[in-house]
């Protein structure tokens, strides 16, 4: 299983204004540095905790259909599944009907129930 972030957070959990007020910095000379430190701090917390602090989108890639047709989604919180695409041996993809899978975002970790393996030989 490989995870790729496809959409970065649009904002950071701490704004530049908040950081400057906390640090008692009144000038703009350190703004670029502070923005980088805020981003680095969020990324470190997300890496350490395994949780996303701000809305972002991820792509999960699997080499085979999961055992028991169940995926444990270990990058909380999970709010929605946009789509599930299955590829056959020739690389042709087909999007699964959302009625074929179910997200349980309340469990920890969140779970994606995929149902039966597609008969097309995909995945």
PDB file of N, CA and C in Angstrom:
ATOM      1  N   UNK A   1       0.846  -1.170   0.000  1.00  0.00           N
ATOM      2  CA  UNK A   1       0.000   0.000   0.000  1.00  0.00           C
ATOM      3  C   UNK A   1       0.895   1.237   0.000  1.00  0.00           C
ATOM      4  N   UNK A   2       0.596   2.165  -0.882  1.00  0.00           N
ATOM      5  CA  UNK A   2       1.338   3.416  -0.970  1.00  0.00           C
ATOM      6  C   UNK A   2       0.352   4.572  -0.935  1.00  0.00           C
ATOM      7  N   UNK A   3       0.672   5.584  -0.151  1.00  0.00           N
ATOM      8  CA  UNK A   3      -0.153   6.784  -0.066  1.00  0.00           C
ATOM      9  C   UNK A   3       0.557   7.954  -0.736  1.00  0.00           C
ATOM     10  N   UNK A   4      -0.203   8.700  -1.532  1.00  0.00           N
ATOM     11  CA  UNK A   4       0.293   9.913  -2.171  1.00  0.00           C
ATOM     12  C   UNK A   4      -0.663  11.051  -1.832  1.00  0.00           C
ATOM     13  N   UNK A   5      -0.139  12.154  -1.329  1.00  0.00           N
ATOM     14  CA  UNK A   5      -1.008  13.313  -1.113  1.00  0.00           C
ATOM     15  C   UNK A   5      -1.240  13.962  -2.473  1.00  0.00           C
ATOM     16  N   UNK A   6      -2.513  14.154  -2.839  1.00  0.00           N
ATOM     17  CA  UNK A   6      -2.852  14.735  -4.138  1.00  0.00           C
ATOM     18  C   UNK A   6      -3.263  16.197  -4.032  1.00  0.00           C
ATOM     19  N   UNK A   7      -3.741  16.610  -2.865  1.00  0.00           N
ATOM     20  CA  UNK A   7      -4.104  18.007  -2.633  1.00  0.00           C
ATOM     21  C   UNK A   7      -3.560  18.410  -1.273  1.00  0.00           C
ATOM     22  N   UNK A   8      -2.657  19.383  -1.276  1.00  0.00           N
ATOM     23  CA  UNK A   8      -2.093  19.890  -0.028  1.00  0.00           C
ATOM     24  C   UNK A   8      -3.127  20.722   0.724  1.00  0.00           C
ATOM     25  N   UNK A   9      -2.924  20.910   2.025  1.00  0.00           N
ATOM     26  CA  UNK A   9      -3.829  21.782   2.780  1.00  0.00           C
ATOM     27  C   UNK A   9      -3.827  23.197   2.198  1.00  0.00           C
ATOM     28  N   UNK A  10      -4.991  23.818   2.166  1.00  0.00           N
ATOM     29  CA  UNK A  10      -5.113  25.178   1.635  1.00  0.00           C
ATOM     30  C   UNK A  10      -4.659  26.221   2.652  1.00  0.00           C
ATOM     31  N   UNK A  11      -4.687  25.866   3.920  1.00  0.00           N
ATOM     32  CA  UNK A  11      -4.285  26.768   5.003  1.00  0.00           C
ATOM     33  C   UNK A  11      -3.446  25.980   5.994  1.00  0.00           C
ATOM     34  N   UNK A  12      -2.831  26.682   6.906  1.00  0.00           N
ATOM     35  CA  UNK A  12      -2.078  26.046   7.982  1.00  0.00           C
ATOM     36  C   UNK A  12      -2.871  26.182   9.282  1.00  0.00           C
ATOM     37  N   UNK A  13      -2.602  25.333  10.276  1.00  0.00           N
ATOM     38  CA  UNK A  13      -3.359  25.402  11.530  1.00  0.00           C
ATOM     39  C   UNK A  13      -3.072  26.671  12.337  1.00  0.00           C
ATOM     40  N   UNK A  14      -1.947  27.313  12.073  1.00  0.00           N
ATOM     41  CA  UNK A  14      -1.588  28.573  12.724  1.00  0.00           C
ATOM     42  C   UNK A  14      -1.302  29.580  11.618  1.00  0.00           C
ATOM     43  N   UNK A  15      -1.916  30.745  11.693  1.00  0.00           N
ATOM     44  CA  UNK A  15      -1.682  31.768  10.674  1.00  0.00           C
ATOM     45  C   UNK A  15      -0.384  32.513  10.971  1.00  0.00           C
ATOM     46  N   UNK A  16       0.106  33.192   9.955  1.00  0.00           N
ATOM     47  CA  UNK A  16       1.295  34.022  10.127  1.00  0.00           C
ATOM     48  C   UNK A  16       1.042  35.100  11.181  1.00  0.00           C
ATOM     49  N   UNK A  17      -0.141  35.701  11.151  1.00  0.00           N
ATOM     50  CA  UNK A  17      -0.487  36.746  12.127  1.00  0.00           C
ATOM     51  C   UNK A  17      -0.450  36.183  13.547  1.00  0.00           C
ATOM     52  N   UNK A  18      -1.011  34.988  13.738  1.00  0.00           N
ATOM     53  CA  UNK A  18      -1.000  34.366  15.071  1.00  0.00           C
ATOM     54  C   UNK A  18       0.419  34.058  15.531  1.00  0.00           C
ATOM     55  N   UNK A  19       1.238  33.529  14.640  1.00  0.00           N
ATOM     56  CA  UNK A  19       2.620  33.201  15.002  1.00  0.00           C
ATOM     57  C   UNK A  19       3.400  34.461  15.354  1.00  0.00           C
ATOM     58  N   UNK A  20       3.227  35.517  14.561  1.00  0.00           N
ATOM     59  CA  UNK A  20       3.942  36.764  14.832  1.00  0.00           C
ATOM     60  C   UNK A  20       3.487  37.386  16.153  1.00  0.00           C
ATOM     61  N   UNK A  21       2.202  37.318  16.451  1.00  0.00           N
ATOM     62  CA  UNK A  21       1.708  37.849  17.727  1.00  0.00           C
ATOM     63  C   UNK A  21       2.294  37.060  18.892  1.00  0.00           C
ATOM     64  N   UNK A  22       2.314  35.739  18.767  1.00  0.00           N
ATOM     65  CA  UNK A  22       2.868  34.893  19.828  1.00  0.00           C
ATOM     66  C   UNK A  22       4.351  35.174  20.047  1.00  0.00           C
ATOM     67  N   UNK A  23       5.078  35.384  18.965  1.00  0.00           N
ATOM     68  CA  UNK A  23       6.522  35.620  19.040  1.00  0.00           C
ATOM     69  C   UNK A  23       6.875  37.097  19.244  1.00  0.00           C
ATOM     70  N   UNK A  24       5.856  37.960  19.259  1.00  0.00           N
ATOM     71  CA  UNK A  24       6.053  39.408  19.427  1.00  0.00           C
ATOM     72  C   UNK A  24       6.960  39.990  18.335  1.00  0.00           C
ATOM     73  N   UNK A  25       6.650  39.612  17.091  1.00  0.00           N
ATOM     74  CA  UNK A  25       7.381  40.129  15.929  1.00  0.00           C
ATOM     75  C   UNK A  25       6.465  41.113  15.211  1.00  0.00           C
ATOM     76  N   UNK A  26       6.905  42.357  15.082  1.00  0.00           N
ATOM     77  CA  UNK A  26       6.070  43.394  14.477  1.00  0.00           C
ATOM     78  C   UNK A  26       6.445  43.702  13.030  1.00  0.00           C
ATOM     79  N   UNK A  27       7.600  43.270  12.570  1.00  0.00           N
ATOM     80  CA  UNK A  27       8.055  43.584  11.212  1.00  0.00           C
ATOM     81  C   UNK A  27       7.797  42.402  10.272  1.00  0.00           C
ATOM     82  N   UNK A  28       7.936  42.663   8.971  1.00  0.00           N
ATOM     83  CA  UNK A  28       7.664  41.638   7.955  1.00  0.00           C
ATOM     84  C   UNK A  28       8.927  40.928   7.481  1.00  0.00           C
ATOM     85  N   UNK A  29      10.062  41.251   8.046  1.00  0.00           N
ATOM     86  CA  UNK A  29      11.326  40.695   7.577  1.00  0.00           C
ATOM     87  C   UNK A  29      11.469  39.195   7.745  1.00  0.00           C
ATOM     88  N   UNK A  30      10.718  38.605   8.654  1.00  0.00           N
ATOM     89  CA  UNK A  30      10.819  37.162   8.914  1.00  0.00           C
ATOM     90  C   UNK A  30       9.610  36.378   8.397  1.00  0.00           C
ATOM     91  N   UNK A  31       8.730  37.032   7.641  1.00  0.00           N
ATOM     92  CA  UNK A  31       7.484  36.376   7.211  1.00  0.00           C
ATOM     93  C   UNK A  31       7.725  35.095   6.422  1.00  0.00           C
ATOM     94  N   UNK A  32       8.634  35.125   5.475  1.00  0.00           N
ATOM     95  CA  UNK A  32       8.905  33.931   4.660  1.00  0.00           C
ATOM     96  C   UNK A  32       9.433  32.794   5.534  1.00  0.00           C
ATOM     97  N   UNK A  33      10.349  33.105   6.428  1.00  0.00           N
ATOM     98  CA  UNK A  33      10.890  32.097   7.343  1.00  0.00           C
ATOM     99  C   UNK A  33       9.797  31.535   8.241  1.00  0.00           C
ATOM    100  N   UNK A  34       8.976  32.414   8.821  1.00  0.00           N
ATOM    101  CA  UNK A  34       7.905  31.958   9.710  1.00  0.00           C
ATOM    102  C   UNK A  34       6.898  31.082   8.974  1.00  0.00           C
ATOM    103  N   UNK A  35       6.522  31.450   7.749  1.00  0.00           N
ATOM    104  CA  UNK A  35       5.606  30.607   6.966  1.00  0.00           C
ATOM    105  C   UNK A  35       6.199  29.221   6.752  1.00  0.00           C
ATOM    106  N   UNK A  36       7.488  29.153   6.452  1.00  0.00           N
ATOM    107  CA  UNK A  36       8.152  27.860   6.282  1.00  0.00           C
ATOM    108  C   UNK A  36       8.183  27.058   7.570  1.00  0.00           C
ATOM    109  N   UNK A  37       8.413  27.722   8.695  1.00  0.00           N
ATOM    110  CA  UNK A  37       8.437  27.029   9.990  1.00  0.00           C
ATOM    111  C   UNK A  37       7.054  26.524  10.381  1.00  0.00           C
ATOM    112  N   UNK A  38       6.026  27.309  10.094  1.00  0.00           N
ATOM    113  CA  UNK A  38       4.651  26.875  10.381  1.00  0.00           C
ATOM    114  C   UNK A  38       4.334  25.619   9.577  1.00  0.00           C
ATOM    115  N   UNK A  39       4.658  25.635   8.285  1.00  0.00           N
ATOM    116  CA  UNK A  39       4.409  24.471   7.413  1.00  0.00           C
ATOM    117  C   UNK A  39       5.201  23.255   7.893  1.00  0.00           C
ATOM    118  N   UNK A  40       6.480  23.467   8.228  1.00  0.00           N
ATOM    119  CA  UNK A  40       7.327  22.365   8.695  1.00  0.00           C
ATOM    120  C   UNK A  40       6.805  21.786  10.005  1.00  0.00           C
ATOM    121  N   UNK A  41       6.315  22.641  10.891  1.00  0.00           N
ATOM    122  CA  UNK A  41       5.773  22.160  12.170  1.00  0.00           C
ATOM    123  C   UNK A  41       4.530  21.307  11.941  1.00  0.00           C
ATOM    124  N   UNK A  42       3.628  21.767  11.047  1.00  0.00           N
ATOM    125  CA  UNK A  42       2.433  20.964  10.750  1.00  0.00           C
ATOM    126  C   UNK A  42       2.821  19.614  10.170  1.00  0.00           C
ATOM    127  N   UNK A  43       3.751  19.623   9.212  1.00  0.00           N
ATOM    128  CA  UNK A  43       4.179  18.371   8.585  1.00  0.00           C
ATOM    129  C   UNK A  43       4.806  17.429   9.606  1.00  0.00           C
ATOM    130  N   UNK A  44       5.580  17.949  10.534  1.00  0.00           N
ATOM    131  CA  UNK A  44       6.199  17.109  11.568  1.00  0.00           C
ATOM    132  C   UNK A  44       5.145  16.504  12.484  1.00  0.00           C
ATOM    133  N   UNK A  45       4.168  17.302  12.895  1.00  0.00           N
ATOM    134  CA  UNK A  45       3.093  16.778  13.745  1.00  0.00           C
ATOM    135  C   UNK A  45       2.303  15.716  12.989  1.00  0.00           C
ATOM    136  N   UNK A  46       2.003  15.947  11.710  1.00  0.00           N
ATOM    137  CA  UNK A  46       1.260  14.960  10.922  1.00  0.00           C
ATOM    138  C   UNK A  46       2.060  13.671  10.757  1.00  0.00           C
ATOM    139  N   UNK A  47       3.352  13.785  10.532  1.00  0.00           N
ATOM    140  CA  UNK A  47       4.200  12.598  10.386  1.00  0.00           C
ATOM    141  C   UNK A  47       4.281  11.828  11.696  1.00  0.00           C
ATOM    142  N   UNK A  48       4.466  12.537  12.788  1.00  0.00           N
ATOM    143  CA  UNK A  48       4.607  11.898  14.101  1.00  0.00           C
ATOM    144  C   UNK A  48       3.312  11.229  14.548  1.00  0.00           C
ATOM    145  N   UNK A  49       2.176  11.902  14.340  1.00  0.00           N
ATOM    146  CA  UNK A  49       0.894  11.369  14.813  1.00  0.00           C
ATOM    147  C   UNK A  49       0.204  10.478  13.793  1.00  0.00           C
ATOM    148  N   UNK A  50       0.579  10.601  12.510  1.00  0.00           N
ATOM    149  CA  UNK A  50      -0.108   9.849  11.467  1.00  0.00           C
ATOM    150  C   UNK A  50      -1.480  10.413  11.148  1.00  0.00           C
ATOM    151  N   UNK A  51      -1.773  11.608  11.626  1.00  0.00           N
ATOM    152  CA  UNK A  51      -3.074  12.242  11.410  1.00  0.00           C
ATOM    153  C   UNK A  51      -2.924  13.513  10.597  1.00  0.00           C
ATOM    154  N   UNK A  52      -3.937  13.806   9.804  1.00  0.00           N
ATOM    155  CA  UNK A  52      -3.966  15.056   9.047  1.00  0.00           C
ATOM    156  C   UNK A  52      -4.595  16.137   9.916  1.00  0.00           C
ATOM    157  N   UNK A  53      -3.932  17.270  10.040  1.00  0.00           N
ATOM    158  CA  UNK A  53      -4.453  18.366  10.854  1.00  0.00           C
ATOM    159  C   UNK A  53      -5.405  19.265  10.081  1.00  0.00           C
ATOM    160  N   UNK A  54      -5.231  19.330   8.766  1.00  0.00           N
ATOM    161  CA  UNK A  54      -6.006  20.221   7.904  1.00  0.00           C
ATOM    162  C   UNK A  54      -6.513  19.392   6.719  1.00  0.00           C
ATOM    163  N   UNK A  55      -7.672  19.784   6.155  1.00  0.00           N
ATOM    164  CA  UNK A  55      -8.227  19.055   5.009  1.00  0.00           C
ATOM    165  C   UNK A  55      -7.195  18.906   3.900  1.00  0.00           C
ATOM    166  N   UNK A  56      -7.086  17.688   3.377  1.00  0.00           N
ATOM    167  CA  UNK A  56      -6.186  17.363   2.279  1.00  0.00           C
ATOM    168  C   UNK A  56      -6.702  16.097   1.610  1.00  0.00           C
ATOM    169  N   UNK A  57      -6.251  15.844   0.407  1.00  0.00           N
ATOM    170  CA  UNK A  57      -6.697  14.656  -0.327  1.00  0.00           C
ATOM    171  C   UNK A  57      -5.522  13.718  -0.546  1.00  0.00           C
ATOM    172  N   UNK A  58      -5.825  12.418  -0.493  1.00  0.00           N
ATOM    173  CA  UNK A  58      -4.804  11.382  -0.637  1.00  0.00           C
ATOM    174  C   UNK A  58      -5.254  10.349  -1.650  1.00  0.00           C
ATOM    175  N   UNK A  59      -4.283   9.714  -2.288  1.00  0.00           N
ATOM    176  CA  UNK A  59      -4.528   8.574  -3.179  1.00  0.00           C
ATOM    177  C   UNK A  59      -3.826   7.367  -2.565  1.00  0.00           C
ATOM    178  N   UNK A  60      -4.555   6.261  -2.479  1.00  0.00           N
ATOM    179  CA  UNK A  60      -3.983   5.013  -1.980  1.00  0.00           C
ATOM    180  C   UNK A  60      -3.860   4.051  -3.149  1.00  0.00           C
ATOM    181  N   UNK A  61      -2.699   3.434  -3.286  1.00  0.00           N
ATOM    182  CA  UNK A  61      -2.453   2.487  -4.371  1.00  0.00           C
ATOM    183  C   UNK A  61      -2.130   1.133  -3.758  1.00  0.00           C
ATOM    184  N   UNK A  62      -2.826   0.102  -4.237  1.00  0.00           N
ATOM    185  CA  UNK A  62      -2.613  -1.272  -3.769  1.00  0.00           C
ATOM    186  C   UNK A  62      -2.174  -2.139  -4.937  1.00  0.00           C
ATOM    187  N   UNK A  63      -1.401  -3.173  -4.645  1.00  0.00           N
ATOM    188  CA  UNK A  63      -0.966  -4.106  -5.682  1.00  0.00           C
ATOM    189  C   UNK A  63      -1.979  -5.212  -5.935  1.00  0.00           C
ATOM    190  N   UNK A  64      -2.861  -5.451  -4.984  1.00  0.00           N
ATOM    191  CA  UNK A  64      -3.823  -6.543  -5.109  1.00  0.00           C
ATOM    192  C   UNK A  64      -5.073  -6.192  -4.314  1.00  0.00           C
ATOM    193  N   UNK A  65      -6.150  -6.923  -4.610  1.00  0.00           N
ATOM    194  CA  UNK A  65      -7.397  -6.743  -3.875  1.00  0.00           C
ATOM    195  C   UNK A  65      -7.132  -7.091  -2.413  1.00  0.00           C
ATOM    196  N   UNK A  66      -7.596  -6.268  -1.467  1.00  0.00           N
ATOM    197  CA  UNK A  66      -7.282  -6.521  -0.058  1.00  0.00           C
ATOM    198  C   UNK A  66      -7.951  -7.780   0.481  1.00  0.00           C
ATOM    199  N   UNK A  67      -7.238  -8.438   1.360  1.00  0.00           N
ATOM    200  CA  UNK A  67      -7.772  -9.622   2.037  1.00  0.00           C
ATOM    201  C   UNK A  67      -9.038  -9.214   2.773  1.00  0.00           C
ATOM    202  N   UNK A  68     -10.035 -10.020   2.708  1.00  0.00           N
ATOM    203  CA  UNK A  68     -11.340  -9.763   3.328  1.00  0.00           C
ATOM    204  C   UNK A  68     -12.029  -8.517   2.759  1.00  0.00           C
ATOM    205  N   UNK A  69     -11.533  -7.982   1.644  1.00  0.00           N
ATOM    206  CA  UNK A  69     -12.118  -6.805   0.992  1.00  0.00           C
ATOM    207  C   UNK A  69     -12.271  -5.634   1.964  1.00  0.00           C
ATOM    208  N   UNK A  70     -11.316  -5.512   2.877  1.00  0.00           N
ATOM    209  CA  UNK A  70     -11.351  -4.467   3.897  1.00  0.00           C
ATOM    210  C   UNK A  70     -10.037  -3.707   3.894  1.00  0.00           C
ATOM    211  N   UNK A  71     -10.128  -2.394   3.857  1.00  0.00           N
ATOM    212  CA  UNK A  71      -8.944  -1.539   3.956  1.00  0.00           C
ATOM    213  C   UNK A  71      -9.012  -0.744   5.249  1.00  0.00           C
ATOM    214  N   UNK A  72      -7.933  -0.767   5.999  1.00  0.00           N
ATOM    215  CA  UNK A  72      -7.814   0.090   7.170  1.00  0.00           C
ATOM    216  C   UNK A  72      -7.128   1.369   6.708  1.00  0.00           C
ATOM    217  N   UNK A  73      -7.797   2.480   6.889  1.00  0.00           N
ATOM    218  CA  UNK A  73      -7.303   3.772   6.415  1.00  0.00           C
ATOM    219  C   UNK A  73      -6.626   4.487   7.580  1.00  0.00           C
ATOM    220  N   UNK A  74      -5.314   4.425   7.589  1.00  0.00           N
ATOM    221  CA  UNK A  74      -4.538   4.875   8.741  1.00  0.00           C
ATOM    222  C   UNK A  74      -4.014   6.304   8.610  1.00  0.00           C
ATOM    223  N   UNK A  75      -4.788   7.164   8.002  1.00  0.00           N
ATOM    224  CA  UNK A  75      -4.418   8.581   7.918  1.00  0.00           C
ATOM    225  C   UNK A  75      -5.639   9.411   8.324  1.00  0.00           C
ATOM    226  N   UNK A  76      -6.001   9.371   9.614  1.00  0.00           N
ATOM    227  CA  UNK A  76      -7.221  10.060  10.041  1.00  0.00           C
ATOM    228  C   UNK A  76      -7.064  11.579  10.029  1.00  0.00           C
ATOM    229  N   UNK A  77      -8.172  12.271  10.066  1.00  0.00           N
ATOM    230  CA  UNK A  77      -9.529  11.754   9.921  1.00  0.00           C
ATOM    231  C   UNK A  77      -9.882  11.550   8.443  1.00  0.00           C
ATOM    232  N   UNK A  78     -10.702  10.557   8.178  1.00  0.00           N
ATOM    233  CA  UNK A  78     -11.171  10.293   6.811  1.00  0.00           C
ATOM    234  C   UNK A  78     -12.600  10.812   6.730  1.00  0.00           C
ATOM    235  N   UNK A  79     -12.851  11.711   5.807  1.00  0.00           N
ATOM    236  CA  UNK A  79     -14.175  12.314   5.682  1.00  0.00           C
ATOM    237  C   UNK A  79     -14.998  11.695   4.550  1.00  0.00           C
ATOM    238  N   UNK A  80     -14.336  11.360   3.445  1.00  0.00           N
ATOM    239  CA  UNK A  80     -15.067  10.789   2.313  1.00  0.00           C
ATOM    240  C   UNK A  80     -14.116  10.049   1.387  1.00  0.00           C
ATOM    241  N   UNK A  81     -14.695   9.156   0.597  1.00  0.00           N
ATOM    242  CA  UNK A  81     -13.980   8.472  -0.478  1.00  0.00           C
ATOM    243  C   UNK A  81     -14.519   9.064  -1.775  1.00  0.00           C
ATOM    244  N   UNK A  82     -13.640   9.629  -2.584  1.00  0.00           N
ATOM    245  CA  UNK A  82     -14.081  10.257  -3.830  1.00  0.00           C
ATOM    246  C   UNK A  82     -14.356   9.206  -4.893  1.00  0.00           C
ATOM    247  N   UNK A  83     -13.473   8.209  -5.017  1.00  0.00           N
ATOM    248  CA  UNK A  83     -13.706   7.132  -5.979  1.00  0.00           C
ATOM    249  C   UNK A  83     -12.782   5.966  -5.675  1.00  0.00           C
ATOM    250  N   UNK A  84     -13.162   4.807  -6.190  1.00  0.00           N
ATOM    251  CA  UNK A  84     -12.335   3.600  -6.137  1.00  0.00           C
ATOM    252  C   UNK A  84     -12.199   3.117  -7.576  1.00  0.00           C
ATOM    253  N   UNK A  85     -10.967   3.022  -8.057  1.00  0.00           N
ATOM    254  CA  UNK A  85     -10.699   2.574  -9.423  1.00  0.00           C
ATOM    255  C   UNK A  85      -9.921   1.271  -9.374  1.00  0.00           C
ATOM    256  N   UNK A  86     -10.363   0.298 -10.141  1.00  0.00           N
ATOM    257  CA  UNK A  86      -9.724  -1.013 -10.213  1.00  0.00           C
ATOM    258  C   UNK A  86      -9.132  -1.166 -11.613  1.00  0.00           C
ATOM    259  N   UNK A  87      -7.891  -1.646 -11.671  1.00  0.00           N
ATOM    260  CA  UNK A  87      -7.206  -1.828 -12.951  1.00  0.00           C
ATOM    261  C   UNK A  87      -7.058  -3.310 -13.253  1.00  0.00           C
ATOM    262  N   UNK A  88      -7.287  -3.687 -14.523  1.00  0.00           N
ATOM    263  CA  UNK A  88      -7.105  -5.083 -14.918  1.00  0.00           C
ATOM    264  C   UNK A  88      -5.645  -5.317 -15.307  1.00  0.00           C
ATOM    265  N   UNK A  89      -5.338  -6.529 -15.725  1.00  0.00           N
ATOM    266  CA  UNK A  89      -3.956  -6.907 -16.053  1.00  0.00           C
ATOM    267  C   UNK A  89      -3.386  -6.087 -17.208  1.00  0.00           C
ATOM    268  N   UNK A  90      -4.252  -5.550 -18.067  1.00  0.00           N
ATOM    269  CA  UNK A  90      -3.796  -4.735 -19.198  1.00  0.00           C
ATOM    270  C   UNK A  90      -3.663  -3.256 -18.844  1.00  0.00           C
ATOM    271  N   UNK A  91      -3.992  -2.911 -17.599  1.00  0.00           N
ATOM    272  CA  UNK A  91      -3.890  -1.520 -17.164  1.00  0.00           C
ATOM    273  C   UNK A  91      -5.127  -0.686 -17.408  1.00  0.00           C
ATOM    274  N   UNK A  92      -6.200  -1.319 -17.871  1.00  0.00           N
ATOM    275  CA  UNK A  92      -7.449  -0.591 -18.095  1.00  0.00           C
ATOM    276  C   UNK A  92      -8.167  -0.411 -16.759  1.00  0.00           C
ATOM    277  N   UNK A  93      -8.530   0.815 -16.454  1.00  0.00           N
ATOM    278  CA  UNK A  93      -9.182   1.100 -15.186  1.00  0.00           C
ATOM    279  C   UNK A  93     -10.684   1.187 -15.312  1.00  0.00           C
ATOM    280  N   UNK A  94     -11.359   0.796 -14.244  1.00  0.00           N
ATOM    281  CA  UNK A  94     -12.805   0.976 -14.173  1.00  0.00           C
ATOM    282  C   UNK A  94     -13.147   1.460 -12.765  1.00  0.00           C
ATOM    283  N   UNK A  95     -14.018   2.454 -12.702  1.00  0.00           N
ATOM    284  CA  UNK A  95     -14.417   3.043 -11.430  1.00  0.00           C
ATOM    285  C   UNK A  95     -15.539   2.201 -10.836  1.00  0.00           C
ATOM    286  N   UNK A  96     -15.362   1.812  -9.575  1.00  0.00           N
ATOM    287  CA  UNK A  96     -16.395   1.027  -8.900  1.00  0.00           C
ATOM    288  C   UNK A  96     -17.601   1.901  -8.585  1.00  0.00           C
ATOM    289  N   UNK A  97     -18.773   1.315  -8.707  1.00  0.00           N
ATOM    290  CA  UNK A  97     -20.006   1.978  -8.309  1.00  0.00           C
ATOM    291  C   UNK A  97     -19.937   2.219  -6.797  1.00  0.00           C
ATOM    292  N   UNK A  98     -20.199   3.441  -6.326  1.00  0.00           N
ATOM    293  CA  UNK A  98     -20.140   3.710  -4.886  1.00  0.00           C
ATOM    294  C   UNK A  98     -21.048   2.812  -4.047  1.00  0.00           C
ATOM    295  N   UNK A  99     -22.061   2.217  -4.658  1.00  0.00           N
ATOM    296  CA  UNK A  99     -22.922   1.290  -3.926  1.00  0.00           C
ATOM    297  C   UNK A  99     -22.174   0.008  -3.555  1.00  0.00           C
ATOM    298  N   UNK A 100     -21.019  -0.249  -4.188  1.00  0.00           N
ATOM    299  CA  UNK A 100     -20.246  -1.471  -3.930  1.00  0.00           C
ATOM    300  C   UNK A 100     -19.282  -1.336  -2.765  1.00  0.00           C
ATOM    301  N   UNK A 101     -19.105  -0.134  -2.241  1.00  0.00           N
ATOM    302  CA  UNK A 101     -18.197   0.029  -1.104  1.00  0.00           C
ATOM    303  C   UNK A 101     -18.817   0.953  -0.058  1.00  0.00           C
ATOM    304  N   UNK A 102     -18.297   0.840   1.160  1.00  0.00           N
ATOM    305  CA  UNK A 102     -18.852   1.604   2.278  1.00  0.00           C
ATOM    306  C   UNK A 102     -17.716   2.101   3.163  1.00  0.00           C
ATOM    307  N   UNK A 103     -17.753   3.369   3.512  1.00  0.00           N
ATOM    308  CA  UNK A 103     -16.768   3.959   4.407  1.00  0.00           C
ATOM    309  C   UNK A 103     -17.312   3.997   5.825  1.00  0.00           C
ATOM    310  N   UNK A 104     -16.513   3.515   6.765  1.00  0.00           N
ATOM    311  CA  UNK A 104     -16.806   3.659   8.193  1.00  0.00           C
ATOM    312  C   UNK A 104     -15.776   4.639   8.753  1.00  0.00           C
ATOM    313  N   UNK A 105     -16.100   5.949   8.776  1.00  0.00           N
ATOM    314  CA  UNK A 105     -15.126   6.939   9.224  1.00  0.00           C
ATOM    315  C   UNK A 105     -15.040   7.064  10.738  1.00  0.00           C
ATOM    316  N   UNK A 106     -15.963   6.423  11.456  1.00  0.00           N
ATOM    317  CA  UNK A 106     -16.014   6.557  12.912  1.00  0.00           C
ATOM    318  C   UNK A 106     -15.016   5.632  13.594  1.00  0.00           C
ATOM    319  N   UNK A 107     -14.811   4.447  13.041  1.00  0.00           N
ATOM    320  CA  UNK A 107     -13.872   3.494  13.639  1.00  0.00           C
ATOM    321  C   UNK A 107     -12.463   4.062  13.613  1.00  0.00           C
ATOM    322  N   UNK A 108     -11.634   3.519  14.471  1.00  0.00           N
ATOM    323  CA  UNK A 108     -10.232   3.943  14.507  1.00  0.00           C
ATOM    324  C   UNK A 108      -9.341   2.726  14.360  1.00  0.00           C
ATOM    325  N   UNK A 109      -8.649   2.560  13.235  1.00  0.00           N
ATOM    326  CA  UNK A 109      -8.655   3.457  12.080  1.00  0.00           C
ATOM    327  C   UNK A 109      -9.943   3.331  11.273  1.00  0.00           C
ATOM    328  N   UNK A 110     -10.191   4.322  10.424  1.00  0.00           N
ATOM    329  CA  UNK A 110     -11.355   4.274   9.534  1.00  0.00           C
ATOM    330  C   UNK A 110     -11.241   3.040   8.647  1.00  0.00           C
ATOM    331  N   UNK A 111     -12.390   2.539   8.209  1.00  0.00           N
ATOM    332  CA  UNK A 111     -12.409   1.321   7.397  1.00  0.00           C
ATOM    333  C   UNK A 111     -13.166   1.563   6.095  1.00  0.00           C
ATOM    334  N   UNK A 112     -12.650   0.960   5.035  1.00  0.00           N
ATOM    335  CA  UNK A 112     -13.329   0.982   3.749  1.00  0.00           C
ATOM    336  C   UNK A 112     -13.659  -0.459   3.393  1.00  0.00           C
ATOM    337  N   UNK A 113     -14.962  -0.769   3.357  1.00  0.00           N
ATOM    338  CA  UNK A 113     -15.436  -2.108   3.000  1.00  0.00           C
ATOM    339  C   UNK A 113     -15.702  -2.112   1.496  1.00  0.00           C
ATOM    340  N   UNK A 114     -15.000  -2.977   0.780  1.00  0.00           N
ATOM    341  CA  UNK A 114     -15.062  -2.965  -0.677  1.00  0.00           C
ATOM    342  C   UNK A 114     -16.032  -3.972  -1.284  1.00  0.00           C
ATOM    343  N   UNK A 115     -16.512  -4.896  -0.536  1.00  0.00           N
ATOM    344  CA  UNK A 115     -17.394  -5.896  -1.115  1.00  0.00           C
ATOM    345  C   UNK A 115     -16.602  -6.914  -1.917  1.00  0.00           C
ATOM    346  N   UNK A 116     -17.272  -7.547  -2.883  1.00  0.00           N
ATOM    347  CA  UNK A 116     -16.631  -8.607  -3.668  1.00  0.00           C
ATOM    348  C   UNK A 116     -15.630  -8.047  -4.669  1.00  0.00           C
ATOM    349  N   UNK A 117     -14.627  -8.872  -4.949  1.00  0.00           N
ATOM    350  CA  UNK A 117     -13.637  -8.523  -5.971  1.00  0.00           C
ATOM    351  C   UNK A 117     -14.340  -8.456  -7.322  1.00  0.00           C
ATOM    352  N   UNK A 118     -14.035  -7.450  -8.132  1.00  0.00           N
ATOM    353  CA  UNK A 118     -14.682  -7.349  -9.448  1.00  0.00           C
ATOM    354  C   UNK A 118     -14.381  -8.580 -10.305  1.00  0.00           C
ATOM    355  N   UNK A 119     -15.372  -9.076 -11.054  1.00  0.00           N
ATOM    356  CA  UNK A 119     -15.179 -10.280 -11.862  1.00  0.00           C
ATOM    357  C   UNK A 119     -14.283 -10.062 -13.073  1.00  0.00           C
ATOM    358  N   UNK A 120     -13.974  -8.808 -13.413  1.00  0.00           N
ATOM    359  CA  UNK A 120     -13.207  -8.526 -14.627  1.00  0.00           C
ATOM    360  C   UNK A 120     -11.745  -8.916 -14.509  1.00  0.00           C
ATOM    361  N   UNK A 121     -11.326  -9.401 -13.338  1.00  0.00           N
ATOM    362  CA  UNK A 121      -9.928  -9.757 -13.157  1.00  0.00           C
ATOM    363  C   UNK A 121      -9.096  -8.560 -12.761  1.00  0.00           C
ATOM    364  N   UNK A 122      -9.758  -7.425 -12.579  1.00  0.00           N
ATOM    365  CA  UNK A 122      -9.041  -6.230 -12.167  1.00  0.00           C
ATOM    366  C   UNK A 122      -8.483  -6.377 -10.778  1.00  0.00           C
ATOM    367  N   UNK A 123      -7.383  -5.718 -10.565  1.00  0.00           N
ATOM    368  CA  UNK A 123      -6.707  -5.675  -9.283  1.00  0.00           C
ATOM    369  C   UNK A 123      -6.167  -7.022  -8.982  1.00  0.00           C
TER     370      UNK A 123
END
